[in-house]
Amino acid sequence: MKSEIKTYYTLIVKESEGRGRGVFTEEDIPKEVLVEISPIIEIKKTDENTIKYVYMTSENTKKYISLGYAGLYNHSDEPNITSKVNPKDNTIVVKSKRDIKKGEELFINYGNRLDYFI
């Protein structure tokens, strides 16, 4: 299977005030569209430095790290994107929850991402 990062909009990583790095859009993104599909790899061990970049299965039996932007999205209680892990295809699928304006930072809800699996 061919693994590649597919982004459907122009995204950049830059400083996010009070959060370190974040992912921002350089163009408007409509509601409910694909933003990114990126490959994931299963990892066996995590530590305090890597756990914040990890997606886990709902049973917490497997851990994955994204090879795309998905590991860099910051948390919000009111996220503008969702992410779903597809272990069968070894990908994370990211979609917009609402219209996102050019220059906005993309946010996921860290609590929800642990339970959203295809």
C-alpha atoms as a PDB file:
ATOM      1  CA  MET A   1       0.000   0.000   0.000  1.00  0.00           C
ATOM      2  CA  LYS A   2       1.261   3.443  -0.915  1.00  0.00           C
ATOM      3  CA  SER A   3       1.540   5.792   2.073  1.00  0.00           C
ATOM      4  CA  GLU A   4       1.498   9.485   1.443  1.00  0.00           C
ATOM      5  CA  ILE A   5       0.336  12.606   3.210  1.00  0.00           C
ATOM      6  CA  LYS A   6      -2.618  14.162   1.420  1.00  0.00           C
ATOM      7  CA  THR A   7      -3.549  17.695   2.328  1.00  0.00           C
ATOM      8  CA  TYR A   8      -6.508  19.255   0.621  1.00  0.00           C
ATOM      9  CA  TYR A   9      -5.780  22.822   1.740  1.00  0.00           C
ATOM     10  CA  THR A  10      -2.601  24.815   2.285  1.00  0.00           C
ATOM     11  CA  LEU A  11      -1.519  24.322   5.901  1.00  0.00           C
ATOM     12  CA  ILE A  12       1.485  25.744   7.714  1.00  0.00           C
ATOM     13  CA  VAL A  13       3.109  25.184  11.094  1.00  0.00           C
ATOM     14  CA  LYS A  14       3.939  28.306  13.041  1.00  0.00           C
ATOM     15  CA  GLU A  15       4.007  29.687  16.568  1.00  0.00           C
ATOM     16  CA  SER A  16       0.666  29.495  18.395  1.00  0.00           C
ATOM     17  CA  GLU A  17       0.380  32.061  21.166  1.00  0.00           C
ATOM     18  CA  GLY A  18       0.749  30.313  24.520  1.00  0.00           C
ATOM     19  CA  ARG A  19       0.770  26.834  22.954  1.00  0.00           C
ATOM     20  CA  GLY A  20       4.111  26.405  21.191  1.00  0.00           C
ATOM     21  CA  ARG A  21       3.620  25.321  17.593  1.00  0.00           C
ATOM     22  CA  GLY A  22       0.281  24.970  15.865  1.00  0.00           C
ATOM     23  CA  VAL A  23      -1.194  24.262  12.444  1.00  0.00           C
ATOM     24  CA  PHE A  24      -2.838  27.127  10.558  1.00  0.00           C
ATOM     25  CA  THR A  25      -4.682  27.338   7.257  1.00  0.00           C
ATOM     26  CA  GLU A  26      -3.569  29.688   4.499  1.00  0.00           C
ATOM     27  CA  GLU A  27      -6.958  29.545   2.793  1.00  0.00           C
ATOM     28  CA  ASP A  28     -10.633  29.294   3.724  1.00  0.00           C
ATOM     29  CA  ILE A  29     -11.804  25.733   4.455  1.00  0.00           C
ATOM     30  CA  PRO A  30     -15.520  24.940   4.071  1.00  0.00           C
ATOM     31  CA  LYS A  31     -17.512  22.956   6.638  1.00  0.00           C
ATOM     32  CA  GLU A  32     -17.416  19.136   6.519  1.00  0.00           C
ATOM     33  CA  VAL A  33     -14.624  18.605   3.984  1.00  0.00           C
ATOM     34  CA  LEU A  34     -11.419  16.568   4.035  1.00  0.00           C
ATOM     35  CA  VAL A  35      -8.482  18.556   5.346  1.00  0.00           C
ATOM     36  CA  GLU A  36      -5.823  15.854   5.609  1.00  0.00           C
ATOM     37  CA  ILE A  37      -5.249  12.124   5.319  1.00  0.00           C
ATOM     38  CA  SER A  38      -1.926  11.077   6.735  1.00  0.00           C
ATOM     39  CA  PRO A  39      -0.178   7.791   7.363  1.00  0.00           C
ATOM     40  CA  ILE A  40       0.252   6.540  10.904  1.00  0.00           C
ATOM     41  CA  ILE A  41       2.684   4.110  12.431  1.00  0.00           C
ATOM     42  CA  GLU A  42       2.120   1.981  15.474  1.00  0.00           C
ATOM     43  CA  ILE A  43       4.516   2.629  18.326  1.00  0.00           C
ATOM     44  CA  LYS A  44       5.140   0.306  21.229  1.00  0.00           C
ATOM     45  CA  LYS A  45       6.522   2.667  23.876  1.00  0.00           C
ATOM     46  CA  THR A  46       5.795   6.234  24.872  1.00  0.00           C
ATOM     47  CA  ASP A  47       7.239   8.568  27.433  1.00  0.00           C
ATOM     48  CA  GLU A  48       6.262  11.973  28.784  1.00  0.00           C
ATOM     49  CA  ASN A  49       7.767  13.675  25.716  1.00  0.00           C
ATOM     50  CA  THR A  50       5.984  11.573  23.096  1.00  0.00           C
ATOM     51  CA  ILE A  51       2.592  10.809  24.681  1.00  0.00           C
ATOM     52  CA  LYS A  52       1.125  14.181  23.677  1.00  0.00           C
ATOM     53  CA  TYR A  53       1.613  13.288  19.987  1.00  0.00           C
ATOM     54  CA  VAL A  54       0.013   9.845  20.204  1.00  0.00           C
ATOM     55  CA  TYR A  55      -3.397   8.635  19.065  1.00  0.00           C
ATOM     56  CA  MET A  56      -4.606   5.602  21.018  1.00  0.00           C
ATOM     57  CA  THR A  57      -7.274   3.009  20.326  1.00  0.00           C
ATOM     58  CA  SER A  58     -10.398   3.311  22.452  1.00  0.00           C
ATOM     59  CA  GLU A  59      -9.260   0.226  24.370  1.00  0.00           C
ATOM     60  CA  ASN A  60      -5.811   1.842  24.848  1.00  0.00           C
ATOM     61  CA  THR A  61      -4.212  -1.307  23.437  1.00  0.00           C
ATOM     62  CA  LYS A  62      -2.496   0.281  20.445  1.00  0.00           C
ATOM     63  CA  LYS A  63      -0.784   3.621  20.029  1.00  0.00           C
ATOM     64  CA  TYR A  64      -0.141   5.471  16.776  1.00  0.00           C
ATOM     65  CA  ILE A  65       1.812   8.513  15.747  1.00  0.00           C
ATOM     66  CA  SER A  66       0.919  10.600  12.709  1.00  0.00           C
ATOM     67  CA  LEU A  67       3.415  11.251   9.946  1.00  0.00           C
ATOM     68  CA  GLY A  68       1.450  14.338   8.886  1.00  0.00           C
ATOM     69  CA  TYR A  69       0.083  17.436  10.587  1.00  0.00           C
ATOM     70  CA  ALA A  70      -2.258  15.458  12.878  1.00  0.00           C
ATOM     71  CA  GLY A  71       0.353  15.191  15.628  1.00  0.00           C
ATOM     72  CA  LEU A  72       0.720  18.972  15.743  1.00  0.00           C
ATOM     73  CA  TYR A  73      -2.900  20.097  16.135  1.00  0.00           C
ATOM     74  CA  ASN A  74      -3.529  21.855  19.434  1.00  0.00           C
ATOM     75  CA  HIS A  75      -6.465  21.147  21.759  1.00  0.00           C
ATOM     76  CA  SER A  76      -9.680  23.113  22.090  1.00  0.00           C
ATOM     77  CA  ASP A  77     -12.917  22.311  23.920  1.00  0.00           C
ATOM     78  CA  GLU A  78     -14.575  23.767  20.799  1.00  0.00           C
ATOM     79  CA  PRO A  79     -12.503  22.224  17.984  1.00  0.00           C
ATOM     80  CA  ASN A  80     -12.911  23.201  14.340  1.00  0.00           C
ATOM     81  CA  ILE A  81     -11.699  19.823  12.987  1.00  0.00           C
ATOM     82  CA  THR A  82     -12.207  16.153  13.815  1.00  0.00           C
ATOM     83  CA  SER A  83      -9.824  13.250  13.403  1.00  0.00           C
ATOM     84  CA  LYS A  84     -10.528   9.577  12.893  1.00  0.00           C
ATOM     85  CA  VAL A  85      -7.968   6.818  13.041  1.00  0.00           C
ATOM     86  CA  ASN A  86      -8.312   4.028  10.511  1.00  0.00           C
ATOM     87  CA  PRO A  87      -6.012   1.216  11.709  1.00  0.00           C
ATOM     88  CA  LYS A  88      -6.916  -0.984   8.737  1.00  0.00           C
ATOM     89  CA  ASP A  89      -5.510   1.578   6.290  1.00  0.00           C
ATOM     90  CA  ASN A  90      -2.916   2.971   8.724  1.00  0.00           C
ATOM     91  CA  THR A  91      -4.221   6.521   8.291  1.00  0.00           C
ATOM     92  CA  ILE A  92      -5.745   9.425  10.186  1.00  0.00           C
ATOM     93  CA  VAL A  93      -8.551  11.263   8.393  1.00  0.00           C
ATOM     94  CA  VAL A  94      -9.064  14.909   9.363  1.00  0.00           C
ATOM     95  CA  LYS A  95     -12.254  16.807   8.446  1.00  0.00           C
ATOM     96  CA  SER A  96     -13.522  20.306   9.160  1.00  0.00           C
ATOM     97  CA  LYS A  97     -16.404  20.661  11.617  1.00  0.00           C
ATOM     98  CA  ARG A  98     -17.304  24.180  10.506  1.00  0.00           C
ATOM     99  CA  ASP A  99     -16.192  26.851   8.072  1.00  0.00           C
ATOM    100  CA  ILE A 100     -12.611  27.826   8.906  1.00  0.00           C
ATOM    101  CA  LYS A 101     -11.243  31.190   7.800  1.00  0.00           C
ATOM    102  CA  LYS A 102      -7.837  31.832   6.250  1.00  0.00           C
ATOM    103  CA  GLY A 103      -5.262  32.351   9.019  1.00  0.00           C
ATOM    104  CA  GLU A 104      -7.155  30.383  11.684  1.00  0.00           C
ATOM    105  CA  GLU A 105      -5.448  27.735  13.751  1.00  0.00           C
ATOM    106  CA  LEU A 106      -6.813  24.193  13.431  1.00  0.00           C
ATOM    107  CA  PHE A 107      -7.865  22.566  16.714  1.00  0.00           C
ATOM    108  CA  ILE A 108      -8.957  19.075  17.742  1.00  0.00           C
ATOM    109  CA  ASN A 109     -10.357  17.929  21.059  1.00  0.00           C
ATOM    110  CA  TYR A 110      -7.749  15.677  22.653  1.00  0.00           C
ATOM    111  CA  GLY A 111     -10.369  13.823  24.670  1.00  0.00           C
ATOM    112  CA  ASN A 112     -12.418  12.975  21.585  1.00  0.00           C
ATOM    113  CA  ARG A 113      -9.511  11.885  19.432  1.00  0.00           C
ATOM    114  CA  LEU A 114      -8.917   8.895  21.692  1.00  0.00           C
ATOM    115  CA  ASP A 115     -12.316   7.435  20.838  1.00  0.00           C
ATOM    116  CA  TYR A 116     -12.824   8.271  17.167  1.00  0.00           C
ATOM    117  CA  PHE A 117     -11.971   5.240  15.129  1.00  0.00           C
ATOM    118  CA  ILE A 118     -13.215   4.177  11.720  1.00  0.00           C
END
